[in-house]
Amino acid sequence: MPAKRKSKRDPRLARAGVSGFNKPKRTPNHPKKSHIVVAKEGDKVKTIRFGQQGAKTAGKPKKGESRRIKMKRKSFKARHRKNIAKGKMSAAYWANKVKW
């Protein structure tokens, strides 16, 4: 009889309450940060909280949005470009991907 392999679920996923690695989740009850993700790149794993709770972000581009919203998004991306470029292990990367 072949032995069944049981893959052990990483305890960091359960603690963060996310469904898997690199899958962000909203945290409405956290006092400061709006999202959490357990980021994994290669064999490195890191829990990252990101995004200001209650911030008025531009969100994803929508048809017919105002020039002000477009400029707000552009400014955020320019201001954080260096940190976004650091990849999955930075909070700026996830804020850019999820909130902007």
C-alpha atoms as a PDB file:
ATOM      1  CA  MET A   1       0.000   0.000   0.000  1.00  0.00           C
ATOM      2  CA  PRO A   2       1.535   3.360  -1.022  1.00  0.00           C
ATOM      3  CA  ALA A   3       2.089   5.855   1.742  1.00  0.00           C
ATOM      4  CA  LYS A   4      -0.001   8.994   1.421  1.00  0.00           C
ATOM      5  CA  ARG A   5       1.895  12.233   1.661  1.00  0.00           C
ATOM      6  CA  LYS A   6       0.331  14.766   3.928  1.00  0.00           C
ATOM      7  CA  SER A   7       1.473  18.245   3.069  1.00  0.00           C
ATOM      8  CA  LYS A   8       1.696  20.250   6.250  1.00  0.00           C
ATOM      9  CA  ARG A   9       0.042  23.632   5.958  1.00  0.00           C
ATOM     10  CA  ASP A  10       2.350  26.455   6.979  1.00  0.00           C
ATOM     11  CA  PRO A  11       1.190  27.834  10.376  1.00  0.00           C
ATOM     12  CA  ARG A  12       1.808  31.398   9.152  1.00  0.00           C
ATOM     13  CA  LEU A  13      -1.062  30.992   6.670  1.00  0.00           C
ATOM     14  CA  ALA A  14      -3.488  30.011   9.426  1.00  0.00           C
ATOM     15  CA  ARG A  15      -2.279  32.776  11.733  1.00  0.00           C
ATOM     16  CA  ALA A  16      -2.772  35.399   9.020  1.00  0.00           C
ATOM     17  CA  GLY A  17      -6.081  33.840   7.963  1.00  0.00           C
ATOM     18  CA  VAL A  18      -5.206  33.732   4.256  1.00  0.00           C
ATOM     19  CA  SER A  19      -5.964  30.946   1.788  1.00  0.00           C
ATOM     20  CA  GLY A  20      -2.436  30.592   0.434  1.00  0.00           C
ATOM     21  CA  PHE A  21       0.904  32.227  -0.237  1.00  0.00           C
ATOM     22  CA  ASN A  22       0.817  35.535  -2.160  1.00  0.00           C
ATOM     23  CA  LYS A  23      -2.954  35.868  -1.686  1.00  0.00           C
ATOM     24  CA  PRO A  24      -3.811  39.176   0.022  1.00  0.00           C
ATOM     25  CA  LYS A  25      -6.758  39.540   2.378  1.00  0.00           C
ATOM     26  CA  ARG A  26      -8.548  42.582   3.805  1.00  0.00           C
ATOM     27  CA  THR A  27      -8.225  43.150   7.552  1.00  0.00           C
ATOM     28  CA  PRO A  28     -11.080  45.516   8.459  1.00  0.00           C
ATOM     29  CA  ASN A  29     -10.582  45.081  12.215  1.00  0.00           C
ATOM     30  CA  HIS A  30      -6.860  45.857  12.279  1.00  0.00           C
ATOM     31  CA  PRO A  31      -6.273  49.289  13.860  1.00  0.00           C
ATOM     32  CA  LYS A  32      -3.747  50.555  11.284  1.00  0.00           C
ATOM     33  CA  LYS A  33      -3.265  48.294   8.255  1.00  0.00           C
ATOM     34  CA  SER A  34      -5.972  47.397   5.737  1.00  0.00           C
ATOM     35  CA  HIS A  35      -4.544  44.182   4.229  1.00  0.00           C
ATOM     36  CA  ILE A  36      -2.310  41.206   5.021  1.00  0.00           C
ATOM     37  CA  VAL A  37      -0.454  38.753   2.811  1.00  0.00           C
ATOM     38  CA  VAL A  38       1.947  35.888   3.469  1.00  0.00           C
ATOM     39  CA  ALA A  39       4.491  36.525   0.720  1.00  0.00           C
ATOM     40  CA  LYS A  40       6.684  33.748  -0.589  1.00  0.00           C
ATOM     41  CA  GLU A  41       9.569  34.139  -3.000  1.00  0.00           C
ATOM     42  CA  GLY A  42      11.719  31.057  -3.459  1.00  0.00           C
ATOM     43  CA  ASP A  43      12.163  29.607   0.022  1.00  0.00           C
ATOM     44  CA  LYS A  44      11.712  32.958   1.812  1.00  0.00           C
ATOM     45  CA  VAL A  45       8.370  33.480   3.564  1.00  0.00           C
ATOM     46  CA  LYS A  46       7.302  36.768   5.153  1.00  0.00           C
ATOM     47  CA  THR A  47       4.043  38.083   6.627  1.00  0.00           C
ATOM     48  CA  ILE A  48       3.379  41.600   5.366  1.00  0.00           C
ATOM     49  CA  ARG A  49       0.714  44.050   6.505  1.00  0.00           C
ATOM     50  CA  PHE A  50       0.143  46.929   4.124  1.00  0.00           C
ATOM     51  CA  GLY A  51      -2.185  49.796   3.244  1.00  0.00           C
ATOM     52  CA  GLN A  52      -3.544  52.538   5.443  1.00  0.00           C
ATOM     53  CA  GLN A  53      -6.834  51.610   7.078  1.00  0.00           C
ATOM     54  CA  GLY A  54      -9.615  53.813   5.706  1.00  0.00           C
ATOM     55  CA  ALA A  55      -7.437  55.518   3.084  1.00  0.00           C
ATOM     56  CA  LYS A  56      -9.171  56.914   0.020  1.00  0.00           C
ATOM     57  CA  THR A  57      -7.133  55.233  -2.698  1.00  0.00           C
ATOM     58  CA  ALA A  58      -7.741  55.608  -6.395  1.00  0.00           C
ATOM     59  CA  GLY A  59      -8.493  51.918  -6.820  1.00  0.00           C
ATOM     60  CA  LYS A  60      -8.094  50.142 -10.125  1.00  0.00           C
ATOM     61  CA  PRO A  61      -8.509  52.209 -13.335  1.00  0.00           C
ATOM     62  CA  LYS A  62     -12.136  52.594 -14.394  1.00  0.00           C
ATOM     63  CA  LYS A  63     -13.646  53.851 -17.601  1.00  0.00           C
ATOM     64  CA  GLY A  64     -14.537  57.547 -17.390  1.00  0.00           C
ATOM     65  CA  GLU A  65     -12.687  58.302 -14.137  1.00  0.00           C
ATOM     66  CA  SER A  66     -11.649  61.876 -13.413  1.00  0.00           C
ATOM     67  CA  ARG A  67      -8.278  63.391 -14.216  1.00  0.00           C
ATOM     68  CA  ARG A  68      -7.713  63.971 -10.479  1.00  0.00           C
ATOM     69  CA  ILE A  69      -8.002  60.243  -9.740  1.00  0.00           C
ATOM     70  CA  LYS A  70      -5.640  59.395 -12.610  1.00  0.00           C
ATOM     71  CA  MET A  71      -3.075  61.877 -11.286  1.00  0.00           C
ATOM     72  CA  LYS A  72      -3.473  60.533  -7.741  1.00  0.00           C
ATOM     73  CA  ARG A  73      -2.679  56.995  -8.968  1.00  0.00           C
ATOM     74  CA  LYS A  74       0.242  58.230 -11.079  1.00  0.00           C
ATOM     75  CA  SER A  75       1.691  60.166  -8.106  1.00  0.00           C
ATOM     76  CA  PHE A  76       1.510  57.139  -5.812  1.00  0.00           C
ATOM     77  CA  LYS A  77       3.260  54.918  -8.356  1.00  0.00           C
ATOM     78  CA  ALA A  78       5.985  57.530  -8.969  1.00  0.00           C
ATOM     79  CA  ARG A  79       6.532  58.221  -5.263  1.00  0.00           C
ATOM     80  CA  HIS A  80       6.902  54.527  -4.406  1.00  0.00           C
ATOM     81  CA  ARG A  81       8.530  53.268  -7.624  1.00  0.00           C
ATOM     82  CA  LYS A  82      11.788  52.233  -5.893  1.00  0.00           C
ATOM     83  CA  ASN A  83      10.013  50.199  -3.226  1.00  0.00           C
ATOM     84  CA  ILE A  84       7.509  48.662  -5.652  1.00  0.00           C
ATOM     85  CA  ALA A  85      10.459  47.430  -7.724  1.00  0.00           C
ATOM     86  CA  LYS A  86      11.748  45.431  -4.727  1.00  0.00           C
ATOM     87  CA  GLY A  87       9.159  42.782  -5.545  1.00  0.00           C
ATOM     88  CA  LYS A  88       6.806  40.527  -3.625  1.00  0.00           C
ATOM     89  CA  MET A  89       8.655  40.867  -0.342  1.00  0.00           C
ATOM     90  CA  SER A  90       7.811  44.586   0.045  1.00  0.00           C
ATOM     91  CA  ALA A  91       4.620  46.200   1.318  1.00  0.00           C
ATOM     92  CA  ALA A  92       4.768  48.802  -1.478  1.00  0.00           C
ATOM     93  CA  TYR A  93       4.543  46.051  -4.120  1.00  0.00           C
ATOM     94  CA  TRP A  94       1.363  44.675  -2.553  1.00  0.00           C
ATOM     95  CA  ALA A  95      -0.195  48.109  -1.968  1.00  0.00           C
ATOM     96  CA  ASN A  96       0.418  48.922  -5.632  1.00  0.00           C
ATOM     97  CA  LYS A  97      -1.040  45.605  -6.784  1.00  0.00           C
ATOM     98  CA  VAL A  98      -4.107  45.534  -4.522  1.00  0.00           C
ATOM     99  CA  LYS A  99      -5.030  49.125  -3.684  1.00  0.00           C
ATOM    100  CA  TRP A 100      -3.837  51.136  -6.689  1.00  0.00           C
END
